[in-house]
Amino acid sequence: MSLTDPVADFMTRIRNSIRARHQKLDVPASKLKMEIARILKEEGYIANYKAAEENGRSVLRVYLKYGANNEAAIHDLARISRPGCRVYVGRDQIKRVQSGIGISILTTPRGVMTGRQARREGVGGELLCEVW
């Protein structure tokens, strides 16, 4: 099975797992998904992640994070730039997500980073998604 948008698939799996109250989920691994998971962990949206091997395939295992009252750390995710319609932003066009509550994730010439980091470093890039 070939996916046209593996990042959107990754985000949909996270969204579905949170709604089903799963503790962890497995997705086919890629460098970009690993970087997105790294940022989600650094920003406190997921508990942990790790690369694993299953049936000869590399998978990314993501451990979801829930707070008191079984409240999910991620309320929602939105894919911004899609294969059919790429969205690029300059450093001055990076908006705050949900009035600063959420984060945006960009791919920049200096790697994958949050919108806050990109503004600080003065770089723009492709706006992958927003998480809040």
C-alpha atoms as a PDB file:
ATOM      1  CA  MET A   1       0.000   0.000   0.000  1.00  0.00           C
ATOM      2  CA  SER A   2       1.488   3.331  -0.979  1.00  0.00           C
ATOM      3  CA  LEU A   3       0.440   6.517   0.739  1.00  0.00           C
ATOM      4  CA  THR A   4       0.401   9.833  -1.048  1.00  0.00           C
ATOM      5  CA  ASP A   5       0.611  11.763   2.243  1.00  0.00           C
ATOM      6  CA  PRO A   6       2.327   9.810   5.044  1.00  0.00           C
ATOM      7  CA  VAL A   7       2.361  12.826   7.388  1.00  0.00           C
ATOM      8  CA  ALA A   8      -1.439  13.221   7.146  1.00  0.00           C
ATOM      9  CA  ASP A   9      -1.767   9.464   7.778  1.00  0.00           C
ATOM     10  CA  PHE A  10       0.478   9.804  10.865  1.00  0.00           C
ATOM     11  CA  MET A  11      -1.640  12.667  12.209  1.00  0.00           C
ATOM     12  CA  THR A  12      -4.900  10.835  11.532  1.00  0.00           C
ATOM     13  CA  ARG A  13      -3.613   7.792  13.410  1.00  0.00           C
ATOM     14  CA  ILE A  14      -2.679  10.001  16.387  1.00  0.00           C
ATOM     15  CA  ARG A  15      -6.111  11.682  16.314  1.00  0.00           C
ATOM     16  CA  ASN A  16      -7.957   8.331  16.120  1.00  0.00           C
ATOM     17  CA  SER A  17      -5.823   6.768  18.876  1.00  0.00           C
ATOM     18  CA  ILE A  18      -6.505   9.690  21.211  1.00  0.00           C
ATOM     19  CA  ARG A  19     -10.251   9.476  20.587  1.00  0.00           C
ATOM     20  CA  ALA A  20     -10.132   5.722  21.277  1.00  0.00           C
ATOM     21  CA  ARG A  21      -8.031   6.395  24.440  1.00  0.00           C
ATOM     22  CA  HIS A  22      -5.155   4.147  23.339  1.00  0.00           C
ATOM     23  CA  GLN A  23      -1.880   4.348  25.286  1.00  0.00           C
ATOM     24  CA  LYS A  24       0.347   3.826  22.235  1.00  0.00           C
ATOM     25  CA  LEU A  25       0.220   3.547  18.455  1.00  0.00           C
ATOM     26  CA  ASP A  26       2.498   2.188  15.748  1.00  0.00           C
ATOM     27  CA  VAL A  27       3.077   3.894  12.401  1.00  0.00           C
ATOM     28  CA  PRO A  28       5.479   3.049   9.578  1.00  0.00           C
ATOM     29  CA  ALA A  29       8.727   4.867  10.418  1.00  0.00           C
ATOM     30  CA  SER A  30      10.334   7.655   8.403  1.00  0.00           C
ATOM     31  CA  LYS A  31      12.852  10.365   9.248  1.00  0.00           C
ATOM     32  CA  LEU A  32      10.227  13.115   8.945  1.00  0.00           C
ATOM     33  CA  LYS A  33       7.774  11.328  11.254  1.00  0.00           C
ATOM     34  CA  MET A  34      10.617  10.768  13.759  1.00  0.00           C
ATOM     35  CA  GLU A  35      11.359  14.510  13.726  1.00  0.00           C
ATOM     36  CA  ILE A  36       7.666  15.370  14.182  1.00  0.00           C
ATOM     37  CA  ALA A  37       7.483  12.911  17.107  1.00  0.00           C
ATOM     38  CA  ARG A  38      10.648  14.459  18.607  1.00  0.00           C
ATOM     39  CA  ILE A  39       9.048  17.921  18.533  1.00  0.00           C
ATOM     40  CA  LEU A  40       5.760  16.612  19.982  1.00  0.00           C
ATOM     41  CA  LYS A  41       7.721  15.041  22.866  1.00  0.00           C
ATOM     42  CA  GLU A  42       9.834  18.181  23.465  1.00  0.00           C
ATOM     43  CA  GLU A  43       6.685  20.323  23.542  1.00  0.00           C
ATOM     44  CA  GLY A  44       4.919  17.914  25.919  1.00  0.00           C
ATOM     45  CA  TYR A  45       2.201  16.614  23.583  1.00  0.00           C
ATOM     46  CA  ILE A  46       3.234  12.943  23.725  1.00  0.00           C
ATOM     47  CA  ALA A  47       4.806  10.912  26.526  1.00  0.00           C
ATOM     48  CA  ASN A  48       7.511   9.247  24.412  1.00  0.00           C
ATOM     49  CA  TYR A  49       8.383   7.650  21.078  1.00  0.00           C
ATOM     50  CA  LYS A  50      10.838   5.075  19.859  1.00  0.00           C
ATOM     51  CA  ALA A  51      11.872   3.291  16.698  1.00  0.00           C
ATOM     52  CA  ALA A  52      11.056  -0.415  16.768  1.00  0.00           C
ATOM     53  CA  GLU A  53      11.320  -3.371  14.432  1.00  0.00           C
ATOM     54  CA  GLU A  54       8.209  -5.446  13.780  1.00  0.00           C
ATOM     55  CA  ASN A  55       7.947  -8.295  11.260  1.00  0.00           C
ATOM     56  CA  GLY A  56      11.053  -6.994   9.473  1.00  0.00           C
ATOM     57  CA  ARG A  57       9.591  -3.501   9.116  1.00  0.00           C
ATOM     58  CA  SER A  58      10.702  -0.421  10.994  1.00  0.00           C
ATOM     59  CA  VAL A  59       7.883   1.210  12.923  1.00  0.00           C
ATOM     60  CA  LEU A  60       7.636   4.341  15.010  1.00  0.00           C
ATOM     61  CA  ARG A  61       5.945   3.599  18.329  1.00  0.00           C
ATOM     62  CA  VAL A  62       4.329   6.687  19.858  1.00  0.00           C
ATOM     63  CA  TYR A  63       3.239   6.706  23.509  1.00  0.00           C
ATOM     64  CA  LEU A  64       0.336   9.101  23.977  1.00  0.00           C
ATOM     65  CA  LYS A  65       0.050  11.424  26.950  1.00  0.00           C
ATOM     66  CA  TYR A  66      -3.011  11.911  29.119  1.00  0.00           C
ATOM     67  CA  GLY A  67      -3.349  14.221  32.094  1.00  0.00           C
ATOM     68  CA  ALA A  68      -5.603  14.151  35.126  1.00  0.00           C
ATOM     69  CA  ASN A  69      -9.231  13.190  34.364  1.00  0.00           C
ATOM     70  CA  ASN A  70      -7.933  11.198  31.364  1.00  0.00           C
ATOM     71  CA  GLU A  71      -7.625  14.441  29.373  1.00  0.00           C
ATOM     72  CA  ALA A  72      -5.490  14.057  26.230  1.00  0.00           C
ATOM     73  CA  ALA A  73      -2.509  16.392  25.868  1.00  0.00           C
ATOM     74  CA  ILE A  74      -3.339  16.830  22.155  1.00  0.00           C
ATOM     75  CA  HIS A  75      -6.758  18.375  21.523  1.00  0.00           C
ATOM     76  CA  ASP A  76      -6.430  18.339  17.748  1.00  0.00           C
ATOM     77  CA  LEU A  77      -3.971  18.358  14.846  1.00  0.00           C
ATOM     78  CA  ALA A  78      -4.358  20.030  11.478  1.00  0.00           C
ATOM     79  CA  ARG A  79      -2.386  19.277   8.311  1.00  0.00           C
ATOM     80  CA  ILE A  80      -1.607  22.584   6.594  1.00  0.00           C
ATOM     81  CA  SER A  81       0.733  21.864   3.675  1.00  0.00           C
ATOM     82  CA  ARG A  82      -0.444  18.933   1.548  1.00  0.00           C
ATOM     83  CA  PRO A  83       1.131  17.225  -1.488  1.00  0.00           C
ATOM     84  CA  GLY A  84      -1.478  18.882  -3.731  1.00  0.00           C
ATOM     85  CA  CYS A  85      -1.112  22.312  -2.162  1.00  0.00           C
ATOM     86  CA  ARG A  86       2.187  23.083  -0.468  1.00  0.00           C
ATOM     87  CA  VAL A  87       2.195  26.002   1.977  1.00  0.00           C
ATOM     88  CA  TYR A  88       5.445  27.892   2.492  1.00  0.00           C
ATOM     89  CA  VAL A  89       5.875  30.741   4.944  1.00  0.00           C
ATOM     90  CA  GLY A  90       8.607  33.301   5.441  1.00  0.00           C
ATOM     91  CA  ARG A  91       9.869  33.984   8.936  1.00  0.00           C
ATOM     92  CA  ASP A  92       7.560  37.029   9.212  1.00  0.00           C
ATOM     93  CA  GLN A  93       4.460  35.033   8.211  1.00  0.00           C
ATOM     94  CA  ILE A  94       4.656  32.350  10.926  1.00  0.00           C
ATOM     95  CA  LYS A  95       1.456  32.785  12.932  1.00  0.00           C
ATOM     96  CA  ARG A  96       0.785  31.811  16.528  1.00  0.00           C
ATOM     97  CA  VAL A  97      -1.473  28.762  16.846  1.00  0.00           C
ATOM     98  CA  GLN A  98      -4.611  29.133  18.990  1.00  0.00           C
ATOM     99  CA  SER A  99      -3.283  32.410  20.468  1.00  0.00           C
ATOM    100  CA  GLY A 100      -0.042  30.752  21.572  1.00  0.00           C
ATOM    101  CA  ILE A 101      -1.619  27.637  23.099  1.00  0.00           C
ATOM    102  CA  GLY A 102      -0.588  25.368  20.216  1.00  0.00           C
ATOM    103  CA  ILE A 103       2.468  24.915  18.031  1.00  0.00           C
ATOM    104  CA  SER A 104       3.151  24.866  14.320  1.00  0.00           C
ATOM    105  CA  ILE A 105       5.704  22.444  12.873  1.00  0.00           C
ATOM    106  CA  LEU A 106       7.811  23.506   9.886  1.00  0.00           C
ATOM    107  CA  THR A 107      10.479  21.954   7.720  1.00  0.00           C
ATOM    108  CA  THR A 108      13.204  24.543   7.241  1.00  0.00           C
ATOM    109  CA  PRO A 109      16.655  24.519   5.665  1.00  0.00           C
ATOM    110  CA  ARG A 110      17.938  23.988   9.242  1.00  0.00           C
ATOM    111  CA  GLY A 111      15.716  20.967   9.880  1.00  0.00           C
ATOM    112  CA  VAL A 112      12.284  20.343  11.338  1.00  0.00           C
ATOM    113  CA  MET A 113      11.344  22.822  14.077  1.00  0.00           C
ATOM    114  CA  THR A 114       8.457  24.615  15.742  1.00  0.00           C
ATOM    115  CA  GLY A 115       7.209  27.976  14.509  1.00  0.00           C
ATOM    116  CA  ARG A 116       8.639  29.589  17.655  1.00  0.00           C
ATOM    117  CA  GLN A 117      12.126  28.190  16.975  1.00  0.00           C
ATOM    118  CA  ALA A 118      11.921  29.206  13.301  1.00  0.00           C
ATOM    119  CA  ARG A 119      11.003  32.788  14.248  1.00  0.00           C
ATOM    120  CA  ARG A 120      13.861  32.883  16.760  1.00  0.00           C
ATOM    121  CA  GLU A 121      16.352  31.584  14.186  1.00  0.00           C
ATOM    122  CA  GLY A 122      14.961  33.833  11.454  1.00  0.00           C
ATOM    123  CA  VAL A 123      14.062  31.091   8.959  1.00  0.00           C
ATOM    124  CA  GLY A 124      10.901  30.190   7.084  1.00  0.00           C
ATOM    125  CA  GLY A 125       9.904  26.950   5.432  1.00  0.00           C
ATOM    126  CA  GLU A 126       7.086  24.560   4.653  1.00  0.00           C
ATOM    127  CA  LEU A 127       4.295  24.703   7.241  1.00  0.00           C
ATOM    128  CA  LEU A 128       3.577  21.013   7.843  1.00  0.00           C
ATOM    129  CA  CYS A 129       0.960  21.094  10.583  1.00  0.00           C
ATOM    130  CA  GLU A 130      -0.459  22.723  13.670  1.00  0.00           C
ATOM    131  CA  VAL A 131      -1.025  20.982  17.014  1.00  0.00           C
ATOM    132  CA  TRP A 132      -3.032  22.254  19.973  1.00  0.00           C
END
